[in-house]
Amino acid sequence: MKSRAAATLAGAGLGLLAGCGGPDLADHAGQGPELELERFLEGRLTAHGVFQDRFGTLRRSFVVDVLGVWDGETLTLTEDFLYEDGSTERRVWRLVQTSAESWAGTAAGVVGEATGEEAGNAFNWRYTIDLETPDGTLRAHFDDWLWQLDDRVMVNRAYVTKYGIEIGQLSIYFRRETPLAPAG
């Protein structure tokens, strides 16, 4: 995979999510801290991440400034990426809670709708996206796993596949500017 294609893949993830042997959401039920996606992602966050190809070679690193706005119905995430080579990218996600533990969302390039589920401290987000690369459009599938570690930190691991074959992984560390206020 060319470096530019890898860069575009890195920009696709909140990221801010092909079953490639990833975690099982049921294993996280009851684990804390209890994730409330709309609470954790509301406000300003900074994320640092890397994209590795399927051989483990680091292809891209980046910093993301995230602004989350929850209006009671829609969680809008504006992600501004800055890559190590100085290039930038913006992705805007719009997520709607479809049940107490489920979400659906859209962003530019997403094919159909992204879907996600919460359990305990985890969130699994899956979607297919068309990514623009120097070689044309690449359609890839993301299986994103996010885990809230405490009131300021969330870790994200995304497995990226094409035709069911893993082409790489994203690792992202999110940090809120301010700790979450106690629920209630």
Protein backbone atom coordinates (compact mmCIF):
# COMPACT_ATOMS: atom_id res chain seq x y z
CA MET A 1 0.00 0.00 0.00
CA LYS A 2 1.40 3.37 -0.93
CA SER A 3 2.04 5.90 1.79
CA ARG A 4 -0.65 8.27 0.51
CA ALA A 5 -3.26 5.52 0.51
CA ALA A 6 -2.28 4.73 4.09
CA ALA A 7 -2.62 8.40 4.96
CA THR A 8 -6.13 8.49 3.63
CA LEU A 9 -6.98 5.34 5.58
CA ALA A 10 -5.69 6.97 8.74
CA GLY A 11 -7.98 9.93 8.19
CA ALA A 12 -11.03 7.73 7.92
CA GLY A 13 -11.03 6.49 11.47
CA LEU A 14 -12.54 8.37 14.67
CA GLY A 15 -12.52 8.67 14.80
CA LEU A 16 -12.90 8.45 16.16
CA LEU A 17 -14.89 1.19 13.22
CA ALA A 18 -15.02 -7.05 9.05
CA GLY A 19 -14.71 -9.26 11.62
CA CYS A 20 -11.01 -10.00 11.63
CA GLY A 21 -10.92 -11.76 14.93
CA GLY A 22 -11.38 -8.58 16.98
CA PRO A 23 -12.85 -8.34 20.47
CA ASP A 24 -16.33 -9.52 21.44
CA LEU A 25 -18.60 -6.71 22.69
CA ALA A 26 -20.33 -9.03 25.17
CA ASP A 27 -17.01 -9.41 27.02
CA HIS A 28 -17.24 -5.74 28.04
CA ALA A 29 -20.72 -5.76 29.57
CA GLY A 30 -20.47 -4.58 33.17
CA GLN A 31 -16.91 -3.28 32.82
CA GLY A 32 -16.37 0.28 33.91
CA PRO A 33 -16.26 3.09 33.64
CA GLU A 34 -19.65 2.86 31.93
CA LEU A 35 -19.34 4.52 28.51
CA GLU A 36 -21.95 7.07 27.48
CA LEU A 37 -20.69 8.01 24.04
CA GLU A 38 -22.56 11.33 23.85
CA ARG A 39 -21.13 12.43 27.21
CA PHE A 40 -17.56 11.34 26.61
CA LEU A 41 -17.28 12.79 23.10
CA GLU A 42 -19.01 16.09 23.86
CA GLY A 43 -16.60 19.01 24.06
CA ARG A 44 -12.98 19.21 22.93
CA LEU A 45 -10.67 16.24 22.65
CA THR A 46 -7.22 15.71 21.20
CA ALA A 47 -6.24 12.40 19.63
CA HIS A 48 -2.86 11.03 18.60
CA GLY A 49 -2.71 8.09 16.24
CA VAL A 50 -0.79 5.86 13.88
CA PHE A 51 -1.69 3.71 10.89
CA GLN A 52 0.25 0.47 10.42
CA ASP A 53 -0.02 -1.70 7.32
CA ARG A 54 -0.78 -5.42 7.60
CA PHE A 55 2.91 -6.15 8.12
CA GLY A 56 3.12 -3.79 11.11
CA THR A 57 5.03 -1.09 9.26
CA LEU A 58 4.19 2.40 10.48
CA ARG A 59 2.80 4.25 7.47
CA ARG A 60 1.37 7.42 8.95
CA SER A 61 1.05 9.34 12.21
CA PHE A 62 -1.33 12.16 13.00
CA VAL A 63 -2.91 14.43 15.59
CA VAL A 64 -6.66 15.12 15.56
CA ASP A 65 -8.53 17.98 17.17
CA VAL A 66 -12.09 16.80 17.83
CA LEU A 67 -15.08 18.94 18.69
CA GLY A 68 -18.17 17.02 19.80
CA VAL A 69 -21.57 18.69 20.00
CA TRP A 70 -24.57 16.80 21.47
CA ASP A 71 -27.92 18.49 20.92
CA GLY A 72 -29.98 15.77 22.62
CA GLU A 73 -30.62 13.93 19.34
CA THR A 74 -27.49 14.14 17.20
CA LEU A 75 -23.84 13.88 18.18
CA THR A 76 -21.80 15.87 15.65
CA LEU A 77 -18.07 15.17 15.67
CA THR A 78 -15.82 17.51 13.72
CA GLU A 79 -12.38 15.93 13.32
CA ASP A 80 -9.47 18.06 12.06
CA PHE A 81 -6.46 15.88 11.17
CA LEU A 82 -2.86 17.07 10.96
CA TYR A 83 -0.48 14.48 9.50
CA GLU A 84 3.26 14.26 10.06
CA ASP A 85 3.93 15.62 6.56
CA GLY A 86 1.89 18.77 7.28
CA SER A 87 -1.18 17.75 5.24
CA THR A 88 -4.62 18.23 6.76
CA GLU A 89 -8.06 16.68 6.48
CA ARG A 90 -11.49 17.33 8.00
CA ARG A 91 -14.17 14.69 8.59
CA VAL A 92 -17.57 15.47 10.10
CA TRP A 93 -19.58 12.63 11.62
CA ARG A 94 -23.27 12.84 12.52
CA LEU A 95 -24.35 10.10 14.94
CA VAL A 96 -27.88 9.37 16.15
CA GLN A 97 -28.68 7.08 19.06
CA THR A 98 -31.07 4.42 17.74
CA SER A 99 -31.61 2.65 21.09
CA ALA A 100 -30.12 2.77 24.60
CA GLU A 101 -26.95 0.98 23.42
CA SER A 102 -26.98 1.47 19.61
CA TRP A 103 -25.92 4.23 17.24
CA ALA A 104 -26.07 4.98 13.50
CA GLY A 105 -24.03 7.58 11.69
CA THR A 106 -22.91 9.18 8.48
CA ALA A 107 -19.88 11.06 7.20
CA ALA A 108 -18.56 11.97 3.77
CA GLY A 109 -17.50 8.84 1.90
CA VAL A 110 -19.33 6.39 4.17
CA VAL A 111 -21.24 3.82 2.11
CA GLY A 112 -24.73 3.56 3.55
CA GLU A 113 -24.74 3.99 7.30
CA ALA A 114 -22.21 3.27 10.02
CA THR A 115 -23.56 1.27 12.96
CA GLY A 116 -22.31 0.90 16.49
CA GLU A 117 -23.10 -0.62 19.87
CA GLU A 118 -22.04 0.16 23.44
CA ALA A 119 -21.46 -2.33 26.27
CA GLY A 120 -19.77 -1.48 29.56
CA ASN A 121 -16.73 0.66 28.77
CA ALA A 122 -16.61 -0.31 25.07
CA PHE A 123 -18.05 0.88 21.76
CA ASN A 124 -17.84 -1.10 18.50
CA TRP A 125 -18.34 0.98 15.35
CA ARG A 126 -18.47 -0.62 11.85
CA TYR A 127 -18.65 0.98 8.46
CA THR A 128 -17.53 0.86 4.85
CA ILE A 129 -15.99 3.98 3.38
CA ASP A 130 -14.72 5.15 -0.01
CA LEU A 131 -11.35 6.80 0.52
CA GLU A 132 -9.71 8.99 -2.08
CA THR A 133 -6.10 7.97 -2.74
CA PRO A 134 -3.57 9.05 -5.38
CA ASP A 135 -4.37 5.77 -7.17
CA GLY A 136 -8.14 6.35 -7.15
CA THR A 137 -10.91 5.43 -4.76
CA LEU A 138 -10.28 2.68 -2.23
CA ARG A 139 -13.31 1.04 -0.59
CA ALA A 140 -12.36 -0.26 2.86
CA HIS A 141 -14.22 -1.65 5.85
CA PHE A 142 -13.51 -0.41 9.38
CA ASP A 143 -14.15 -2.39 12.55
CA ASP A 144 -13.46 0.24 15.25
CA TRP A 145 -13.17 -0.60 18.94
CA LEU A 146 -13.14 2.20 21.49
CA TRP A 147 -12.59 1.73 25.23
CA GLN A 148 -13.10 4.45 27.84
CA LEU A 149 -10.30 4.09 30.39
CA ASP A 150 -11.24 6.91 32.77
CA ASP A 151 -12.97 10.32 32.77
CA ARG A 152 -10.45 11.78 30.29
CA VAL A 153 -8.98 8.95 28.19
CA MET A 154 -10.33 6.69 25.45
CA VAL A 155 -8.30 4.24 23.35
CA ASN A 156 -9.31 3.23 19.81
CA ARG A 157 -8.14 0.23 17.76
CA ALA A 158 -9.50 -0.06 14.22
CA TYR A 159 -9.07 -3.11 12.02
CA VAL A 160 -9.14 -2.11 8.33
CA THR A 161 -10.04 -4.68 5.68
CA LYS A 162 -10.65 -4.91 1.94
CA TYR A 163 -12.44 -7.96 0.53
CA GLY A 164 -12.27 -9.43 4.05
CA ILE A 165 -8.45 -9.26 4.17
CA GLU A 166 -6.81 -7.04 6.76
CA ILE A 167 -4.82 -4.25 5.13
CA GLY A 168 -3.89 -2.40 8.30
CA GLN A 169 -4.72 -1.15 11.78
CA LEU A 170 -5.24 2.24 13.36
CA SER A 171 -4.30 2.94 16.97
CA ILE A 172 -5.60 6.17 18.46
CA TYR A 173 -5.40 7.68 21.95
CA PHE A 174 -8.09 10.29 22.78
CA ARG A 175 -7.82 12.75 25.66
CA ARG A 176 -10.57 15.14 26.79
CA GLU A 177 -9.51 18.69 27.59
CA THR A 178 -11.55 18.53 30.80
CA PRO A 179 -12.58 15.50 32.85
CA LEU A 180 -16.17 14.29 32.62
CA ALA A 181 -18.45 15.74 35.25
CA PRO A 182 -20.12 13.13 37.46
CA ALA A 183 -23.24 11.64 35.81
CA GLY A 184 -26.60 12.80 37.01
